[in-house]
PDB file of N, CA and C in Angstrom:
ATOM      1  N   UNK A   1     125.963  94.136 108.090  1.00  0.00           N
ATOM      2  CA  UNK A   1     125.053  94.593 109.125  1.00  0.00           C
ATOM      3  C   UNK A   1     123.725  94.945 108.480  1.00  0.00           C
ATOM      4  N   UNK A   2     122.650  94.355 108.965  1.00  0.00           N
ATOM      5  CA  UNK A   2     121.340  94.643 108.384  1.00  0.00           C
ATOM      6  C   UNK A   2     120.768  95.930 108.958  1.00  0.00           C
ATOM      7  N   UNK A   3     119.945  96.546 108.140  1.00  0.00           N
ATOM      8  CA  UNK A   3     119.323  97.791 108.550  1.00  0.00           C
ATOM      9  C   UNK A   3     118.222  97.528 109.569  1.00  0.00           C
ATOM     10  N   UNK A   4     118.097  98.386 110.535  1.00  0.00           N
ATOM     11  CA  UNK A   4     117.067  98.267 111.549  1.00  0.00           C
ATOM     12  C   UNK A   4     115.714  98.605 110.930  1.00  0.00           C
ATOM     13  N   UNK A   5     114.692  97.820 111.259  1.00  0.00           N
ATOM     14  CA  UNK A   5     113.357  98.040 110.715  1.00  0.00           C
ATOM     15  C   UNK A   5     112.753  99.315 111.287  1.00  0.00           C
ATOM     16  N   UNK A   6     112.126 100.078 110.413  1.00  0.00           N
ATOM     17  CA  UNK A   6     111.406 101.291 110.796  1.00  0.00           C
ATOM     18  C   UNK A   6     109.921 101.017 110.632  1.00  0.00           C
ATOM     19  N   UNK A   7     109.070 101.386 111.600  1.00  0.00           N
ATOM     20  CA  UNK A   7     107.636 101.213 111.392  1.00  0.00           C
ATOM     21  C   UNK A   7     107.252 101.786 110.028  1.00  0.00           C
ATOM     22  N   UNK A   8     106.352 101.085 109.345  1.00  0.00           N
ATOM     23  CA  UNK A   8     106.049 101.440 107.966  1.00  0.00           C
ATOM     24  C   UNK A   8     104.585 101.227 107.606  1.00  0.00           C
ATOM     25  N   UNK A   9     104.195 101.884 106.538  1.00  0.00           N
ATOM     26  CA  UNK A   9     102.926 101.636 105.870  1.00  0.00           C
ATOM     27  C   UNK A   9     103.270 101.088 104.490  1.00  0.00           C
ATOM     28  N   UNK A  10     102.285 100.509 103.826  1.00  0.00           N
ATOM     29  CA  UNK A  10     102.483 100.057 102.455  1.00  0.00           C
ATOM     30  C   UNK A  10     101.686 100.985 101.555  1.00  0.00           C
ATOM     31  N   UNK A  11     102.368 101.544 100.586  1.00  0.00           N
ATOM     32  CA  UNK A  11     101.741 102.466  99.662  1.00  0.00           C
ATOM     33  C   UNK A  11     102.006 102.014  98.239  1.00  0.00           C
ATOM     34  N   UNK A  12     101.146 102.446  97.330  1.00  0.00           N
ATOM     35  CA  UNK A  12     101.251 102.086  95.918  1.00  0.00           C
ATOM     36  C   UNK A  12     100.441 103.110  95.124  1.00  0.00           C
ATOM     37  N   UNK A  13     100.280 102.849  93.845  1.00  0.00           N
ATOM     38  CA  UNK A  13      99.390 103.653  93.017  1.00  0.00           C
ATOM     39  C   UNK A  13      98.286 102.745  92.498  1.00  0.00           C
ATOM     40  N   UNK A  14      97.059 103.233  92.531  1.00  0.00           N
ATOM     41  CA  UNK A  14      95.934 102.466  92.009  1.00  0.00           C
ATOM     42  C   UNK A  14      96.140 102.258  90.510  1.00  0.00           C
ATOM     43  N   UNK A  15      95.914 101.051  90.052  1.00  0.00           N
ATOM     44  CA  UNK A  15      96.189 100.697  88.669  1.00  0.00           C
ATOM     45  C   UNK A  15      95.393 101.536  87.679  1.00  0.00           C
ATOM     46  N   UNK A  16      94.110 101.695  87.890  1.00  0.00           N
ATOM     47  CA  UNK A  16      93.272 102.383  86.902  1.00  0.00           C
ATOM     48  C   UNK A  16      93.318 103.901  86.988  1.00  0.00           C
ATOM     49  N   UNK A  17      93.400 104.456  88.193  1.00  0.00           N
ATOM     50  CA  UNK A  17      93.345 105.914  88.343  1.00  0.00           C
ATOM     51  C   UNK A  17      94.714 106.560  88.524  1.00  0.00           C
ATOM     52  N   UNK A  18      95.690 105.789  88.978  1.00  0.00           N
ATOM     53  CA  UNK A  18      97.000 106.355  89.280  1.00  0.00           C
ATOM     54  C   UNK A  18      97.074 107.013  90.642  1.00  0.00           C
ATOM     55  N   UNK A  19      95.945 107.078  91.334  1.00  0.00           N
ATOM     56  CA  UNK A  19      95.868 107.698  92.664  1.00  0.00           C
ATOM     57  C   UNK A  19      96.793 106.980  93.649  1.00  0.00           C
ATOM     58  N   UNK A  20      97.424 107.737  94.527  1.00  0.00           N
ATOM     59  CA  UNK A  20      98.227 107.149  95.601  1.00  0.00           C
ATOM     60  C   UNK A  20      97.258 106.483  96.568  1.00  0.00           C
ATOM     61  N   UNK A  21      97.566 105.245  96.944  1.00  0.00           N
ATOM     62  CA  UNK A  21      96.713 104.496  97.872  1.00  0.00           C
ATOM     63  C   UNK A  21      97.586 103.854  98.945  1.00  0.00           C
ATOM     64  N   UNK A  22      96.948 103.523 100.059  1.00  0.00           N
ATOM     65  CA  UNK A  22      97.618 102.891 101.189  1.00  0.00           C
ATOM     66  C   UNK A  22      96.868 101.636 101.563  1.00  0.00           C
ATOM     67  N   UNK A  23      97.616 100.627 102.012  1.00  0.00           N
ATOM     68  CA  UNK A  23      97.023  99.367 102.419  1.00  0.00           C
ATOM     69  C   UNK A  23      96.467  99.499 103.833  1.00  0.00           C
ATOM     70  N   UNK A  24      95.212  99.107 103.987  1.00  0.00           N
ATOM     71  CA  UNK A  24      94.547  99.143 105.292  1.00  0.00           C
ATOM     72  C   UNK A  24      94.695  97.788 105.984  1.00  0.00           C
ATOM     73  N   UNK A  25      94.392  97.746 107.251  1.00  0.00           N
ATOM     74  CA  UNK A  25      94.504  96.516 108.037  1.00  0.00           C
ATOM     75  C   UNK A  25      93.615  95.406 107.491  1.00  0.00           C
ATOM     76  N   UNK A  26      92.497  95.759 106.862  1.00  0.00           N
ATOM     77  CA  UNK A  26      91.571  94.747 106.332  1.00  0.00           C
ATOM     78  C   UNK A  26      91.940  94.273 104.926  1.00  0.00           C
ATOM     79  N   UNK A  27      93.079  94.726 104.393  1.00  0.00           N
ATOM     80  CA  UNK A  27      93.517  94.301 103.075  1.00  0.00           C
ATOM     81  C   UNK A  27      92.961  95.121 101.931  1.00  0.00           C
ATOM     82  N   UNK A  28      92.201  96.147 102.231  1.00  0.00           N
ATOM     83  CA  UNK A  28      91.666  97.038 101.208  1.00  0.00           C
ATOM     84  C   UNK A  28      92.666  98.168 100.956  1.00  0.00           C
ATOM     85  N   UNK A  29      92.554  98.800  99.794  1.00  0.00           N
ATOM     86  CA  UNK A  29      93.389  99.956  99.455  1.00  0.00           C
ATOM     87  C   UNK A  29      92.558 101.212  99.631  1.00  0.00           C
ATOM     88  N   UNK A  30      93.127 102.229 100.254  1.00  0.00           N
ATOM     89  CA  UNK A  30      92.413 103.480 100.500  1.00  0.00           C
ATOM     90  C   UNK A  30      93.226 104.669 100.017  1.00  0.00           C
ATOM     91  N   UNK A  31      92.548 105.670  99.435  1.00  0.00           N
ATOM     92  CA  UNK A  31      93.249 106.905  99.078  1.00  0.00           C
ATOM     93  C   UNK A  31      93.503 107.801 100.293  1.00  0.00           C
ATOM     94  N   UNK A  32      92.962 107.413 101.440  1.00  0.00           N
ATOM     95  CA  UNK A  32      93.113 108.190 102.669  1.00  0.00           C
ATOM     96  C   UNK A  32      94.284 107.636 103.483  1.00  0.00           C
ATOM     97  N   UNK A  33      95.387 108.357 103.578  1.00  0.00           N
ATOM     98  CA  UNK A  33      96.549 107.841 104.307  1.00  0.00           C
ATOM     99  C   UNK A  33      96.279 107.603 105.788  1.00  0.00           C
ATOM    100  N   UNK A  34      95.273 108.253 106.339  1.00  0.00           N
ATOM    101  CA  UNK A  34      94.948 108.059 107.753  1.00  0.00           C
ATOM    102  C   UNK A  34      94.389 106.664 108.012  1.00  0.00           C
ATOM    103  N   UNK A  35      93.915 105.994 106.951  1.00  0.00           N
ATOM    104  CA  UNK A  35      93.345 104.654 107.076  1.00  0.00           C
ATOM    105  C   UNK A  35      94.393 103.550 106.952  1.00  0.00           C
ATOM    106  N   UNK A  36      95.623 103.920 106.658  1.00  0.00           N
ATOM    107  CA  UNK A  36      96.684 102.930 106.429  1.00  0.00           C
ATOM    108  C   UNK A  36      97.000 102.139 107.687  1.00  0.00           C
ATOM    109  N   UNK A  37      97.339 100.870 107.491  1.00  0.00           N
ATOM    110  CA  UNK A  37      97.826 100.034 108.592  1.00  0.00           C
ATOM    111  C   UNK A  37      99.284 100.399 108.849  1.00  0.00           C
ATOM    112  N   UNK A  38      99.634 100.592 110.103  1.00  0.00           N
ATOM    113  CA  UNK A  38     101.015 100.880 110.485  1.00  0.00           C
ATOM    114  C   UNK A  38     101.642  99.578 110.974  1.00  0.00           C
ATOM    115  N   UNK A  39     102.655  99.120 110.258  1.00  0.00           N
ATOM    116  CA  UNK A  39     103.328  97.866 110.597  1.00  0.00           C
ATOM    117  C   UNK A  39     104.543  98.157 111.469  1.00  0.00           C
ATOM    118  N   UNK A  40     104.560  97.553 112.650  1.00  0.00           N
ATOM    119  CA  UNK A  40     105.676  97.736 113.569  1.00  0.00           C
ATOM    120  C   UNK A  40     106.524  96.473 113.674  1.00  0.00           C
ATOM    121  N   UNK A  41     106.072  95.394 113.055  1.00  0.00           N
ATOM    122  CA  UNK A  41     106.792  94.127 113.044  1.00  0.00           C
ATOM    123  C   UNK A  41     107.359  93.896 111.647  1.00  0.00           C
ATOM    124  N   UNK A  42     108.671  93.725 111.542  1.00  0.00           N
ATOM    125  CA  UNK A  42     109.340  93.595 110.246  1.00  0.00           C
ATOM    126  C   UNK A  42     108.851  92.388 109.451  1.00  0.00           C
ATOM    127  N   UNK A  43     108.670  91.255 110.107  1.00  0.00           N
ATOM    128  CA  UNK A  43     108.233  90.052 109.398  1.00  0.00           C
ATOM    129  C   UNK A  43     106.823  90.215 108.850  1.00  0.00           C
ATOM    130  N   UNK A  44     105.938  90.786 109.644  1.00  0.00           N
ATOM    131  CA  UNK A  44     104.563  91.014 109.180  1.00  0.00           C
ATOM    132  C   UNK A  44     104.561  92.023 108.038  1.00  0.00           C
ATOM    133  N   UNK A  45     105.354  93.059 108.148  1.00  0.00           N
ATOM    134  CA  UNK A  45     105.421  94.068 107.082  1.00  0.00           C
ATOM    135  C   UNK A  45     105.890  93.433 105.774  1.00  0.00           C
ATOM    136  N   UNK A  46     106.908  92.585 105.846  1.00  0.00           N
ATOM    137  CA  UNK A  46     107.412  91.924 104.640  1.00  0.00           C
ATOM    138  C   UNK A  46     106.374  90.966 104.062  1.00  0.00           C
ATOM    139  N   UNK A  47     105.651  90.278 104.921  1.00  0.00           N
ATOM    140  CA  UNK A  47     104.598  89.366 104.475  1.00  0.00           C
ATOM    141  C   UNK A  47     103.488  90.125 103.749  1.00  0.00           C
ATOM    142  N   UNK A  48     103.060  91.226 104.339  1.00  0.00           N
ATOM    143  CA  UNK A  48     101.986  92.023 103.727  1.00  0.00           C
ATOM    144  C   UNK A  48     102.471  92.706 102.441  1.00  0.00           C
ATOM    145  N   UNK A  49     103.743  93.092 102.390  1.00  0.00           N
ATOM    146  CA  UNK A  49     104.295  93.671 101.173  1.00  0.00           C
ATOM    147  C   UNK A  49     104.296  92.633 100.052  1.00  0.00           C
ATOM    148  N   UNK A  50     104.687  91.407 100.365  1.00  0.00           N
ATOM    149  CA  UNK A  50     104.659  90.340  99.360  1.00  0.00           C
ATOM    150  C   UNK A  50     103.238  90.136  98.853  1.00  0.00           C
ATOM    151  N   UNK A  51     102.268  90.164  99.754  1.00  0.00           N
ATOM    152  CA  UNK A  51     100.863  90.042  99.354  1.00  0.00           C
ATOM    153  C   UNK A  51     100.480  91.209  98.445  1.00  0.00           C
ATOM    154  N   UNK A  52     100.857  92.426  98.828  1.00  0.00           N
ATOM    155  CA  UNK A  52     100.515  93.617  98.041  1.00  0.00           C
ATOM    156  C   UNK A  52     101.136  93.560  96.653  1.00  0.00           C
ATOM    157  N   UNK A  53     102.342  93.040  96.555  1.00  0.00           N
ATOM    158  CA  UNK A  53     102.998  92.936  95.258  1.00  0.00           C
ATOM    159  C   UNK A  53     102.284  91.951  94.339  1.00  0.00           C
ATOM    160  N   UNK A  54     101.481  91.086  94.898  1.00  0.00           N
ATOM    161  CA  UNK A  54     100.678  90.152  94.116  1.00  0.00           C
ATOM    162  C   UNK A  54      99.334  90.714  93.691  1.00  0.00           C
ATOM    163  N   UNK A  55      99.076  91.967  94.014  1.00  0.00           N
ATOM    164  CA  UNK A  55      97.789  92.606  93.698  1.00  0.00           C
ATOM    165  C   UNK A  55      97.863  93.430  92.416  1.00  0.00           C
ATOM    166  N   UNK A  56      98.508  92.872  91.388  1.00  0.00           N
ATOM    167  CA  UNK A  56      98.741  93.603  90.135  1.00  0.00           C
ATOM    168  C   UNK A  56      97.456  94.012  89.427  1.00  0.00           C
ATOM    169  N   UNK A  57      96.346  93.384  89.751  1.00  0.00           N
ATOM    170  CA  UNK A  57      95.075  93.768  89.150  1.00  0.00           C
ATOM    171  C   UNK A  57      94.501  95.041  89.794  1.00  0.00           C
ATOM    172  N   UNK A  58      95.095  95.474  90.901  1.00  0.00           N
ATOM    173  CA  UNK A  58      94.584  96.645  91.622  1.00  0.00           C
ATOM    174  C   UNK A  58      95.598  97.773  91.758  1.00  0.00           C
ATOM    175  N   UNK A  59      96.873  97.441  91.976  1.00  0.00           N
ATOM    176  CA  UNK A  59      97.879  98.472  92.254  1.00  0.00           C
ATOM    177  C   UNK A  59      99.188  98.192  91.519  1.00  0.00           C
ATOM    178  N   UNK A  60      99.986  99.242  91.386  1.00  0.00           N
ATOM    179  CA  UNK A  60     101.335  99.110  90.834  1.00  0.00           C
ATOM    180  C   UNK A  60     102.344  99.709  91.806  1.00  0.00           C
ATOM    181  N   UNK A  61     103.499  99.085  91.877  1.00  0.00           N
ATOM    182  CA  UNK A  61     104.609  99.622  92.651  1.00  0.00           C
ATOM    183  C   UNK A  61     104.448  99.686  94.150  1.00  0.00           C
ATOM    184  N   UNK A  62     103.842  98.693  94.805  1.00  0.00           N
ATOM    185  CA  UNK A  62     103.737  98.785  96.267  1.00  0.00           C
ATOM    186  C   UNK A  62     105.116  98.715  96.936  1.00  0.00           C
ATOM    187  N   UNK A  63     105.270  99.475  97.996  1.00  0.00           N
ATOM    188  CA  UNK A  63     106.523  99.454  98.758  1.00  0.00           C
ATOM    189  C   UNK A  63     106.266  99.896 100.189  1.00  0.00           C
ATOM    190  N   UNK A  64     107.226  99.587 101.052  1.00  0.00           N
ATOM    191  CA  UNK A  64     107.159 100.017 102.447  1.00  0.00           C
ATOM    192  C   UNK A  64     107.660 101.444 102.547  1.00  0.00           C
ATOM    193  N   UNK A  65     106.925 102.261 103.260  1.00  0.00           N
ATOM    194  CA  UNK A  65     107.309 103.652 103.478  1.00  0.00           C
ATOM    195  C   UNK A  65     107.341 103.914 104.980  1.00  0.00           C
ATOM    196  N   UNK A  66     108.445 104.428 105.463  1.00  0.00           N
ATOM    197  CA  UNK A  66     108.573 104.725 106.881  1.00  0.00           C
ATOM    198  C   UNK A  66     107.471 105.649 107.365  1.00  0.00           C
ATOM    199  N   UNK A  67     106.942 105.348 108.537  1.00  0.00           N
ATOM    200  CA  UNK A  67     105.857 106.143 109.108  1.00  0.00           C
ATOM    201  C   UNK A  67     105.937 106.094 110.628  1.00  0.00           C
ATOM    202  N   UNK A  68     105.207 107.000 111.237  1.00  0.00           N
ATOM    203  CA  UNK A  68     105.099 107.008 112.695  1.00  0.00           C
ATOM    204  C   UNK A  68     103.633 107.197 113.054  1.00  0.00           C
ATOM    205  N   UNK A  69     103.295 106.807 114.244  1.00  0.00           N
ATOM    206  CA  UNK A  69     101.928 106.964 114.713  1.00  0.00           C
ATOM    207  C   UNK A  69     101.646 108.432 114.975  1.00  0.00           C
ATOM    208  N   UNK A  70     100.482 108.886 114.533  1.00  0.00           N
ATOM    209  CA  UNK A  70     100.079 110.273 114.742  1.00  0.00           C
ATOM    210  C   UNK A  70      98.668 110.342 115.290  1.00  0.00           C
ATOM    211  N   UNK A  71      98.193 111.511 115.638  1.00  0.00           N
ATOM    212  CA  UNK A  71      96.857 111.639 116.221  1.00  0.00           C
ATOM    213  C   UNK A  71      95.734 111.248 115.259  1.00  0.00           C
ATOM    214  N   UNK A  72      95.985 111.337 113.953  1.00  0.00           N
ATOM    215  CA  UNK A  72      94.960 110.996 112.964  1.00  0.00           C
ATOM    216  C   UNK A  72      95.374 109.810 112.100  1.00  0.00           C
ATOM    217  N   UNK A  73      96.217 108.945 112.632  1.00  0.00           N
ATOM    218  CA  UNK A  73      96.692 107.797 111.871  1.00  0.00           C
ATOM    219  C   UNK A  73      98.163 107.947 111.543  1.00  0.00           C
ATOM    220  N   UNK A  74      98.684 107.030 110.738  1.00  0.00           N
ATOM    221  CA  UNK A  74     100.118 107.077 110.419  1.00  0.00           C
ATOM    222  C   UNK A  74     100.516 108.377 109.728  1.00  0.00           C
ATOM    223  N   UNK A  75     101.710 108.850 110.062  1.00  0.00           N
ATOM    224  CA  UNK A  75     102.264 110.054 109.444  1.00  0.00           C
ATOM    225  C   UNK A  75     103.607 109.712 108.820  1.00  0.00           C
ATOM    226  N   UNK A  76     103.904 110.286 107.663  1.00  0.00           N
ATOM    227  CA  UNK A  76     105.176 109.979 107.010  1.00  0.00           C
ATOM    228  C   UNK A  76     106.365 110.531 107.793  1.00  0.00           C
ATOM    229  N   UNK A  77     107.494 109.841 107.647  1.00  0.00           N
ATOM    230  CA  UNK A  77     108.722 110.316 108.280  1.00  0.00           C
ATOM    231  C   UNK A  77     109.710 110.834 107.234  1.00  0.00           C
ATOM    232  N   UNK A  78     109.348 110.747 105.981  1.00  0.00           N
ATOM    233  CA  UNK A  78     110.218 111.205 104.908  1.00  0.00           C
ATOM    234  C   UNK A  78     109.468 112.208 104.032  1.00  0.00           C
ATOM    235  N   UNK A  79     110.179 113.215 103.548  1.00  0.00           N
ATOM    236  CA  UNK A  79     109.565 114.257 102.728  1.00  0.00           C
ATOM    237  C   UNK A  79     108.821 113.692 101.521  1.00  0.00           C
ATOM    238  N   UNK A  80     109.412 112.694 100.863  1.00  0.00           N
ATOM    239  CA  UNK A  80     108.786 112.140  99.659  1.00  0.00           C
ATOM    240  C   UNK A  80     107.373 111.654  99.945  1.00  0.00           C
ATOM    241  N   UNK A  81     107.196 110.968 101.061  1.00  0.00           N
ATOM    242  CA  UNK A  81     105.876 110.437 101.382  1.00  0.00           C
ATOM    243  C   UNK A  81     104.912 111.550 101.792  1.00  0.00           C
ATOM    244  N   UNK A  82     105.411 112.559 102.469  1.00  0.00           N
ATOM    245  CA  UNK A  82     104.552 113.698 102.805  1.00  0.00           C
ATOM    246  C   UNK A  82     104.075 114.383 101.530  1.00  0.00           C
ATOM    247  N   UNK A  83     104.944 114.498 100.558  1.00  0.00           N
ATOM    248  CA  UNK A  83     104.612 115.107  99.276  1.00  0.00           C
ATOM    249  C   UNK A  83     103.593 114.256  98.520  1.00  0.00           C
ATOM    250  N   UNK A  84     103.766 112.933  98.514  1.00  0.00           N
ATOM    251  CA  UNK A  84     102.836 112.041  97.815  1.00  0.00           C
ATOM    252  C   UNK A  84     101.437 112.122  98.415  1.00  0.00           C
ATOM    253  N   UNK A  85     101.334 112.362  99.714  1.00  0.00           N
ATOM    254  CA  UNK A  85     100.028 112.457 100.367  1.00  0.00           C
ATOM    255  C   UNK A  85      99.208 113.619  99.820  1.00  0.00           C
ATOM    256  N   UNK A  86      99.892 114.647  99.338  1.00  0.00           N
ATOM    257  CA  UNK A  86      99.197 115.847  98.880  1.00  0.00           C
ATOM    258  C   UNK A  86      98.651 115.716  97.467  1.00  0.00           C
ATOM    259  N   UNK A  87      99.109 114.729  96.719  1.00  0.00           N
ATOM    260  CA  UNK A  87      98.616 114.523  95.363  1.00  0.00           C
ATOM    261  C   UNK A  87      99.464 115.239  94.338  1.00  0.00           C
ATOM    262  N   UNK A  88      99.010 115.243  93.078  1.00  0.00           N
ATOM    263  CA  UNK A  88      99.790 115.866  92.004  1.00  0.00           C
ATOM    264  C   UNK A  88     100.106 117.324  92.314  1.00  0.00           C
ATOM    265  N   UNK A  89     101.292 117.742  91.915  1.00  0.00           N
ATOM    266  CA  UNK A  89     101.698 119.112  92.213  1.00  0.00           C
ATOM    267  C   UNK A  89     101.458 120.063  91.059  1.00  0.00           C
ATOM    268  N   UNK A  90     100.869 119.567  89.980  1.00  0.00           N
ATOM    269  CA  UNK A  90     100.563 120.470  88.869  1.00  0.00           C
ATOM    270  C   UNK A  90      99.143 120.999  89.047  1.00  0.00           C
ATOM    271  N   UNK A  91      99.004 122.264  89.205  1.00  0.00           N
ATOM    272  CA  UNK A  91      97.726 122.906  89.450  1.00  0.00           C
ATOM    273  C   UNK A  91      96.941 122.990  88.160  1.00  0.00           C
ATOM    274  N   UNK A  92      95.681 123.173  88.122  1.00  0.00           N
ATOM    275  CA  UNK A  92      94.729 123.256  89.227  1.00  0.00           C
ATOM    276  C   UNK A  92      93.760 122.078  89.251  1.00  0.00           C
ATOM    277  N   UNK A  93      94.199 120.918  89.636  1.00  0.00           N
ATOM    278  CA  UNK A  93      93.278 119.786  89.755  1.00  0.00           C
ATOM    279  C   UNK A  93      93.698 118.882  90.906  1.00  0.00           C
ATOM    280  N   UNK A  94      92.834 117.963  91.210  1.00  0.00           N
ATOM    281  CA  UNK A  94      93.139 116.990  92.250  1.00  0.00           C
ATOM    282  C   UNK A  94      93.192 117.579  93.642  1.00  0.00           C
ATOM    283  N   UNK A  95      93.921 116.929  94.503  1.00  0.00           N
ATOM    284  CA  UNK A  95      94.020 117.336  95.911  1.00  0.00           C
ATOM    285  C   UNK A  95      94.623 118.720  96.054  1.00  0.00           C
ATOM    286  N   UNK A  96      95.551 119.062  95.178  1.00  0.00           N
ATOM    287  CA  UNK A  96      96.191 120.367  95.258  1.00  0.00           C
ATOM    288  C   UNK A  96      95.180 121.498  95.063  1.00  0.00           C
ATOM    289  N   UNK A  97      94.210 121.308  94.183  1.00  0.00           N
ATOM    290  CA  UNK A  97      93.208 122.343  93.939  1.00  0.00           C
ATOM    291  C   UNK A  97      92.425 122.628  95.219  1.00  0.00           C
ATOM    292  N   UNK A  98      92.049 121.577  95.933  1.00  0.00           N
ATOM    293  CA  UNK A  98      91.308 121.775  97.177  1.00  0.00           C
ATOM    294  C   UNK A  98      92.149 122.550  98.186  1.00  0.00           C
ATOM    295  N   UNK A  99      93.452 122.284  98.218  1.00  0.00           N
ATOM    296  CA  UNK A  99      94.319 123.026  99.136  1.00  0.00           C
ATOM    297  C   UNK A  99      94.393 124.505  98.769  1.00  0.00           C
ATOM    298  N   UNK A 100      94.359 124.793  97.478  1.00  0.00           N
ATOM    299  CA  UNK A 100      94.432 126.193  97.025  1.00  0.00           C
ATOM    300  C   UNK A 100      93.157 126.968  97.362  1.00  0.00           C
ATOM    301  N   UNK A 101      92.025 126.266  97.347  1.00  0.00           N
ATOM    302  CA  UNK A 101      90.751 126.947  97.613  1.00  0.00           C
ATOM    303  C   UNK A 101      90.517 127.132  99.101  1.00  0.00           C
ATOM    304  N   UNK A 102      91.318 126.528  99.909  1.00  0.00           N
ATOM    305  CA  UNK A 102      91.141 126.733 101.344  1.00  0.00           C
ATOM    306  C   UNK A 102      90.664 125.567 101.993  1.00  0.00           C
TER     307      UNK A 102
END
């Protein structure tokens, strides 16, 4: 029995910076998860994932991550992806530092 497809975004890490990035509808990579394309069609998601896996000059480790539509763009449905959106958890730098300052 095959698993039922869950709407997803494609996420990876930028090759040079290591920053978490998301694939946008225009084929660009963005550090802003709100800009991610939300794939609701399994075949299209697999096609775009195959394309993303061929972008070794830009990203490493692209994969499909379950998501749902939200008021400000796709939102993660799994804790791991919610955690990745926040950036490194070792203080005091990166996205976490901005969260600490308010």
